[in-house]
Amino acid sequence: MAIKLNDAALRHARQLIKDSRFARDARDDWSEHAPDTDQENAFIDKHGYAEYGTWHLGEDSDKTPETKGRYSFPFGDFRRLHRCAILAIESRAAQNNHDDIAKAAKSLLEELDKD
């Protein structure tokens, strides 16, 4: 598995923060706020996989580009970034030795918590 930091997604996340398109939700809220399969599929149908990928900090270049399996570590609901998702990413990425993704999540949290 070759999961690496998705630089396009990191830029997108930073832009969402800059544009104040984020939710400052609680640590354990991501399971309730994460898009479900139908929402993901509808987004892909409308915007394509490349745009879908910009909502995920992880990308596995060994996987086919036109699949959901290529992308991991989602951080938003296709409208805004969720702080609870970034917290979950930081923890999960660190546990699985995805240091670049954990570091990116930590930097996003710092940006979110500046205000």
N, C-alpha and C. Protein backbone atom coordinates (compact mmCIF):
# COMPACT_ATOMS: atom_id res chain seq x y z
N MET A 1 0.86 -1.18 0.00
CA MET A 1 0.00 0.00 0.00
C MET A 1 0.89 1.23 0.00
N ALA A 2 0.63 2.14 -0.89
CA ALA A 2 1.46 3.33 -1.06
C ALA A 2 0.66 4.60 -0.79
N ILE A 3 0.07 4.70 0.37
CA ILE A 3 -0.73 5.89 0.69
C ILE A 3 0.22 7.04 1.01
N LYS A 4 0.05 8.12 0.27
CA LYS A 4 0.85 9.32 0.43
C LYS A 4 -0.06 10.52 0.63
N LEU A 5 0.52 11.60 1.09
CA LEU A 5 -0.22 12.84 1.24
C LEU A 5 -0.70 13.32 -0.13
N ASN A 6 -1.96 13.65 -0.21
CA ASN A 6 -2.56 14.20 -1.42
C ASN A 6 -2.41 15.73 -1.34
N ASP A 7 -1.41 16.25 -2.05
CA ASP A 7 -1.11 17.68 -1.98
C ASP A 7 -2.27 18.55 -2.45
N ALA A 8 -2.99 18.10 -3.47
CA ALA A 8 -4.14 18.87 -3.96
C ALA A 8 -5.22 18.98 -2.87
N ALA A 9 -5.41 17.91 -2.13
CA ALA A 9 -6.39 17.92 -1.04
C ALA A 9 -5.94 18.84 0.09
N LEU A 10 -4.64 18.83 0.39
CA LEU A 10 -4.14 19.71 1.44
C LEU A 10 -4.35 21.17 1.04
N ARG A 11 -4.06 21.51 -0.20
CA ARG A 11 -4.31 22.88 -0.67
C ARG A 11 -5.80 23.22 -0.57
N HIS A 12 -6.65 22.26 -0.95
CA HIS A 12 -8.10 22.47 -0.87
C HIS A 12 -8.54 22.70 0.58
N ALA A 13 -8.03 21.89 1.48
CA ALA A 13 -8.38 22.04 2.91
C ALA A 13 -7.96 23.42 3.42
N ARG A 14 -6.77 23.84 3.06
CA ARG A 14 -6.29 25.17 3.50
C ARG A 14 -7.17 26.28 2.94
N GLN A 15 -7.61 26.12 1.69
CA GLN A 15 -8.48 27.13 1.09
C GLN A 15 -9.84 27.16 1.79
N LEU A 16 -10.36 25.99 2.15
CA LEU A 16 -11.62 25.95 2.89
C LEU A 16 -11.50 26.68 4.21
N ILE A 17 -10.38 26.50 4.91
CA ILE A 17 -10.16 27.20 6.17
C ILE A 17 -10.08 28.71 5.92
N LYS A 18 -9.31 29.09 4.92
CA LYS A 18 -9.17 30.51 4.58
C LYS A 18 -10.52 31.13 4.26
N ASP A 19 -11.38 30.37 3.58
CA ASP A 19 -12.71 30.86 3.20
C ASP A 19 -13.75 30.69 4.30
N SER A 20 -13.32 30.25 5.48
CA SER A 20 -14.21 30.01 6.63
C SER A 20 -15.29 28.99 6.31
N ARG A 21 -14.94 27.99 5.51
CA ARG A 21 -15.88 26.91 5.17
C ARG A 21 -15.50 25.68 5.97
N PHE A 22 -15.74 25.76 7.28
CA PHE A 22 -15.42 24.64 8.16
C PHE A 22 -16.38 24.61 9.33
N ALA A 23 -16.44 23.44 9.97
CA ALA A 23 -17.26 23.25 11.16
C ALA A 23 -16.32 22.93 12.32
N ARG A 24 -16.48 23.63 13.40
CA ARG A 24 -15.69 23.37 14.61
C ARG A 24 -16.46 22.41 15.50
N ASP A 25 -16.56 21.20 15.04
CA ASP A 25 -17.34 20.21 15.76
C ASP A 25 -16.47 19.44 16.75
N ALA A 26 -17.12 18.65 17.59
CA ALA A 26 -16.44 17.93 18.66
C ALA A 26 -15.70 16.71 18.13
N ARG A 27 -14.76 16.24 18.90
CA ARG A 27 -13.84 15.16 18.53
C ARG A 27 -14.56 13.95 17.94
N ASP A 28 -15.61 13.49 18.53
CA ASP A 28 -16.22 12.23 18.12
C ASP A 28 -17.40 12.39 17.16
N ASP A 29 -17.56 13.56 16.56
CA ASP A 29 -18.71 13.82 15.69
C ASP A 29 -18.54 13.32 14.26
N TRP A 30 -17.34 12.94 13.85
CA TRP A 30 -17.12 12.63 12.44
C TRP A 30 -17.98 11.47 11.94
N SER A 31 -18.21 10.48 12.77
CA SER A 31 -19.03 9.35 12.31
C SER A 31 -20.44 9.80 11.93
N GLU A 32 -20.92 10.86 12.56
CA GLU A 32 -22.25 11.39 12.24
C GLU A 32 -22.20 12.37 11.07
N HIS A 33 -21.08 13.03 10.87
CA HIS A 33 -20.99 14.08 9.86
C HIS A 33 -20.41 13.61 8.53
N ALA A 34 -19.76 12.47 8.53
CA ALA A 34 -19.13 11.96 7.30
C ALA A 34 -20.20 11.63 6.27
N PRO A 35 -19.91 11.91 5.00
CA PRO A 35 -20.88 11.56 3.95
C PRO A 35 -21.09 10.05 3.88
N ASP A 36 -22.31 9.66 3.59
CA ASP A 36 -22.58 8.23 3.42
C ASP A 36 -22.31 7.85 1.96
N THR A 37 -22.44 6.58 1.65
CA THR A 37 -22.13 6.07 0.31
C THR A 37 -22.95 6.76 -0.76
N ASP A 38 -24.23 6.97 -0.52
CA ASP A 38 -25.08 7.63 -1.52
C ASP A 38 -24.60 9.07 -1.78
N GLN A 39 -24.22 9.77 -0.74
CA GLN A 39 -23.72 11.15 -0.90
C GLN A 39 -22.40 11.15 -1.67
N GLU A 40 -21.53 10.19 -1.36
CA GLU A 40 -20.26 10.09 -2.09
C GLU A 40 -20.52 9.83 -3.57
N ASN A 41 -21.38 8.87 -3.85
CA ASN A 41 -21.68 8.51 -5.24
C ASN A 41 -22.30 9.68 -6.01
N ALA A 42 -23.20 10.40 -5.36
CA ALA A 42 -23.83 11.55 -6.00
C ALA A 42 -22.78 12.63 -6.30
N PHE A 43 -21.86 12.84 -5.37
CA PHE A 43 -20.80 13.82 -5.59
C PHE A 43 -19.92 13.40 -6.77
N ILE A 44 -19.54 12.14 -6.80
CA ILE A 44 -18.70 11.63 -7.90
C ILE A 44 -19.43 11.76 -9.23
N ASP A 45 -20.71 11.42 -9.26
CA ASP A 45 -21.49 11.53 -10.50
C ASP A 45 -21.50 12.96 -11.02
N LYS A 46 -21.58 13.92 -10.12
CA LYS A 46 -21.68 15.32 -10.50
C LYS A 46 -20.31 15.95 -10.79
N HIS A 47 -19.27 15.58 -9.99
CA HIS A 47 -17.99 16.28 -10.05
C HIS A 47 -16.81 15.44 -10.51
N GLY A 48 -16.94 14.12 -10.48
CA GLY A 48 -15.86 13.24 -10.90
C GLY A 48 -14.91 12.85 -9.78
N TYR A 49 -14.05 11.88 -10.08
CA TYR A 49 -13.14 11.35 -9.07
C TYR A 49 -12.03 12.33 -8.70
N ALA A 50 -11.57 13.13 -9.65
CA ALA A 50 -10.49 14.07 -9.33
C ALA A 50 -10.94 15.04 -8.24
N GLU A 51 -12.15 15.57 -8.39
CA GLU A 51 -12.69 16.49 -7.38
C GLU A 51 -12.97 15.75 -6.07
N TYR A 52 -13.48 14.53 -6.17
CA TYR A 52 -13.71 13.69 -4.99
C TYR A 52 -12.40 13.54 -4.21
N GLY A 53 -11.31 13.34 -4.93
CA GLY A 53 -10.02 13.17 -4.29
C GLY A 53 -9.56 14.38 -3.51
N THR A 54 -10.00 15.56 -3.89
CA THR A 54 -9.56 16.77 -3.18
C THR A 54 -10.18 16.88 -1.79
N TRP A 55 -11.05 15.97 -1.44
CA TRP A 55 -11.64 15.93 -0.10
C TRP A 55 -11.00 14.83 0.76
N HIS A 56 -9.85 14.30 0.34
CA HIS A 56 -9.17 13.21 1.04
C HIS A 56 -7.68 13.49 1.13
N LEU A 57 -7.13 13.49 2.34
CA LEU A 57 -5.70 13.78 2.51
C LEU A 57 -4.80 12.63 2.07
N GLY A 58 -5.34 11.42 1.94
CA GLY A 58 -4.53 10.29 1.51
C GLY A 58 -4.87 9.85 0.11
N GLU A 59 -3.82 9.45 -0.63
CA GLU A 59 -4.01 8.94 -1.98
C GLU A 59 -3.05 7.77 -2.19
N ASP A 60 -3.60 6.67 -2.68
CA ASP A 60 -2.82 5.46 -2.94
C ASP A 60 -2.59 5.36 -4.44
N SER A 61 -1.38 5.70 -4.87
CA SER A 61 -1.07 5.73 -6.30
C SER A 61 -1.05 4.34 -6.93
N ASP A 62 -1.07 3.29 -6.11
CA ASP A 62 -1.14 1.93 -6.65
C ASP A 62 -2.56 1.56 -7.08
N LYS A 63 -3.54 2.33 -6.65
CA LYS A 63 -4.95 2.06 -6.98
C LYS A 63 -5.36 2.83 -8.23
N THR A 64 -6.33 2.32 -8.93
CA THR A 64 -6.84 2.95 -10.14
C THR A 64 -7.40 4.33 -9.81
N PRO A 65 -7.05 5.34 -10.62
CA PRO A 65 -7.52 6.71 -10.33
C PRO A 65 -9.04 6.86 -10.27
N GLU A 66 -9.78 6.12 -11.06
CA GLU A 66 -11.23 6.28 -11.11
C GLU A 66 -11.95 5.36 -10.14
N THR A 67 -11.43 5.26 -8.91
CA THR A 67 -12.06 4.44 -7.88
C THR A 67 -12.02 5.16 -6.54
N LYS A 68 -12.99 4.87 -5.70
CA LYS A 68 -12.99 5.43 -4.35
C LYS A 68 -11.82 4.89 -3.54
N GLY A 69 -11.42 3.65 -3.82
CA GLY A 69 -10.34 3.01 -3.07
C GLY A 69 -9.01 3.71 -3.17
N ARG A 70 -8.86 4.58 -4.14
CA ARG A 70 -7.61 5.32 -4.30
C ARG A 70 -7.44 6.35 -3.18
N TYR A 71 -8.54 6.81 -2.62
CA TYR A 71 -8.52 7.94 -1.68
C TYR A 71 -8.86 7.51 -0.25
N SER A 72 -8.19 8.15 0.70
CA SER A 72 -8.43 7.85 2.12
C SER A 72 -8.26 9.12 2.95
N PHE A 73 -8.63 9.03 4.18
CA PHE A 73 -8.55 10.15 5.12
C PHE A 73 -9.41 11.33 4.67
N PRO A 74 -10.74 11.12 4.57
CA PRO A 74 -11.65 12.21 4.20
C PRO A 74 -11.75 13.25 5.31
N PHE A 75 -11.92 14.51 4.90
CA PHE A 75 -11.96 15.58 5.90
C PHE A 75 -13.18 16.49 5.80
N GLY A 76 -14.12 16.19 4.95
CA GLY A 76 -15.27 17.07 4.84
C GLY A 76 -16.48 16.39 4.28
N ASP A 77 -17.56 17.16 4.20
CA ASP A 77 -18.85 16.65 3.75
C ASP A 77 -19.20 17.15 2.34
N PHE A 78 -18.17 17.57 1.58
CA PHE A 78 -18.30 18.11 0.23
C PHE A 78 -18.85 19.53 0.21
N ARG A 79 -19.03 20.12 1.37
CA ARG A 79 -19.40 21.52 1.49
C ARG A 79 -18.40 22.27 2.34
N ARG A 80 -17.98 21.61 3.43
CA ARG A 80 -17.03 22.24 4.34
C ARG A 80 -16.15 21.20 5.03
N LEU A 81 -15.04 21.67 5.50
CA LEU A 81 -14.11 20.86 6.26
C LEU A 81 -14.65 20.69 7.67
N HIS A 82 -14.41 19.54 8.27
CA HIS A 82 -14.86 19.29 9.64
C HIS A 82 -13.66 19.08 10.55
N ARG A 83 -13.60 19.86 11.62
CA ARG A 83 -12.50 19.74 12.58
C ARG A 83 -12.43 18.32 13.15
N CYS A 84 -13.58 17.72 13.41
CA CYS A 84 -13.60 16.36 13.96
C CYS A 84 -12.95 15.36 13.00
N ALA A 85 -13.07 15.58 11.70
CA ALA A 85 -12.43 14.70 10.72
C ALA A 85 -10.92 14.87 10.76
N ILE A 86 -10.46 16.10 10.91
CA ILE A 86 -9.02 16.36 10.98
C ILE A 86 -8.43 15.72 12.23
N LEU A 87 -9.15 15.79 13.34
CA LEU A 87 -8.70 15.12 14.58
C LEU A 87 -8.59 13.61 14.37
N ALA A 88 -9.60 13.04 13.71
CA ALA A 88 -9.58 11.60 13.44
C ALA A 88 -8.43 11.24 12.50
N ILE A 89 -8.18 12.06 11.50
CA ILE A 89 -7.09 11.81 10.56
C ILE A 89 -5.75 11.84 11.28
N GLU A 90 -5.55 12.84 12.10
CA GLU A 90 -4.27 12.96 12.80
C GLU A 90 -3.99 11.70 13.61
N SER A 91 -4.97 11.24 14.33
CA SER A 91 -4.81 10.06 15.17
C SER A 91 -4.60 8.79 14.34
N ARG A 92 -5.47 8.57 13.37
CA ARG A 92 -5.40 7.36 12.55
C ARG A 92 -4.13 7.31 11.71
N ALA A 93 -3.73 8.43 11.15
CA ALA A 93 -2.53 8.47 10.33
C ALA A 93 -1.29 8.17 11.18
N ALA A 94 -1.23 8.73 12.37
CA ALA A 94 -0.09 8.47 13.26
C ALA A 94 -0.05 7.00 13.67
N GLN A 95 -1.19 6.42 13.97
CA GLN A 95 -1.24 5.00 14.36
C GLN A 95 -0.78 4.08 13.25
N ASN A 96 -0.97 4.50 12.00
CA ASN A 96 -0.64 3.65 10.85
C ASN A 96 0.63 4.10 10.12
N ASN A 97 1.43 4.91 10.79
CA ASN A 97 2.73 5.36 10.27
C ASN A 97 2.65 6.13 8.95
N HIS A 98 1.59 6.89 8.79
CA HIS A 98 1.48 7.80 7.65
C HIS A 98 1.87 9.18 8.17
N ASP A 99 3.16 9.33 8.42
CA ASP A 99 3.66 10.51 9.11
C ASP A 99 3.38 11.81 8.36
N ASP A 100 3.48 11.78 7.03
CA ASP A 100 3.23 13.00 6.26
C ASP A 100 1.77 13.46 6.37
N ILE A 101 0.87 12.50 6.43
CA ILE A 101 -0.55 12.83 6.56
C ILE A 101 -0.85 13.31 7.98
N ALA A 102 -0.27 12.66 8.98
CA ALA A 102 -0.46 13.10 10.37
C ALA A 102 0.08 14.51 10.57
N LYS A 103 1.23 14.80 9.98
CA LYS A 103 1.84 16.13 10.09
C LYS A 103 0.95 17.18 9.41
N ALA A 104 0.41 16.83 8.24
CA ALA A 104 -0.49 17.75 7.53
C ALA A 104 -1.75 18.01 8.35
N ALA A 105 -2.31 16.96 8.95
CA ALA A 105 -3.51 17.13 9.79
C ALA A 105 -3.21 18.04 10.97
N LYS A 106 -2.06 17.85 11.58
CA LYS A 106 -1.68 18.69 12.72
C LYS A 106 -1.57 20.16 12.28
N SER A 107 -1.00 20.41 11.10
CA SER A 107 -0.88 21.79 10.63
C SER A 107 -2.26 22.39 10.34
N LEU A 108 -3.18 21.57 9.83
CA LEU A 108 -4.55 22.05 9.59
C LEU A 108 -5.24 22.39 10.91
N LEU A 109 -5.02 21.56 11.92
CA LEU A 109 -5.61 21.85 13.24
C LEU A 109 -5.08 23.17 13.79
N GLU A 110 -3.79 23.39 13.61
CA GLU A 110 -3.21 24.65 14.08
C GLU A 110 -3.84 25.84 13.37
N GLU A 111 -4.07 25.70 12.06
CA GLU A 111 -4.73 26.77 11.31
C GLU A 111 -6.17 26.99 11.79
N LEU A 112 -6.87 25.88 12.03
CA LEU A 112 -8.25 25.98 12.51
C LEU A 112 -8.34 26.64 13.88
N ASP A 113 -7.38 26.33 14.73
CA ASP A 113 -7.45 26.78 16.12
C ASP A 113 -6.82 28.14 16.34
N LYS A 114 -6.31 28.76 15.29
CA LYS A 114 -5.71 30.11 15.39
C LYS A 114 -6.73 31.16 15.79
N ASP A 115 -7.90 31.03 15.24
CA ASP A 115 -8.93 32.08 15.45
C ASP A 115 -9.37 32.20 16.88
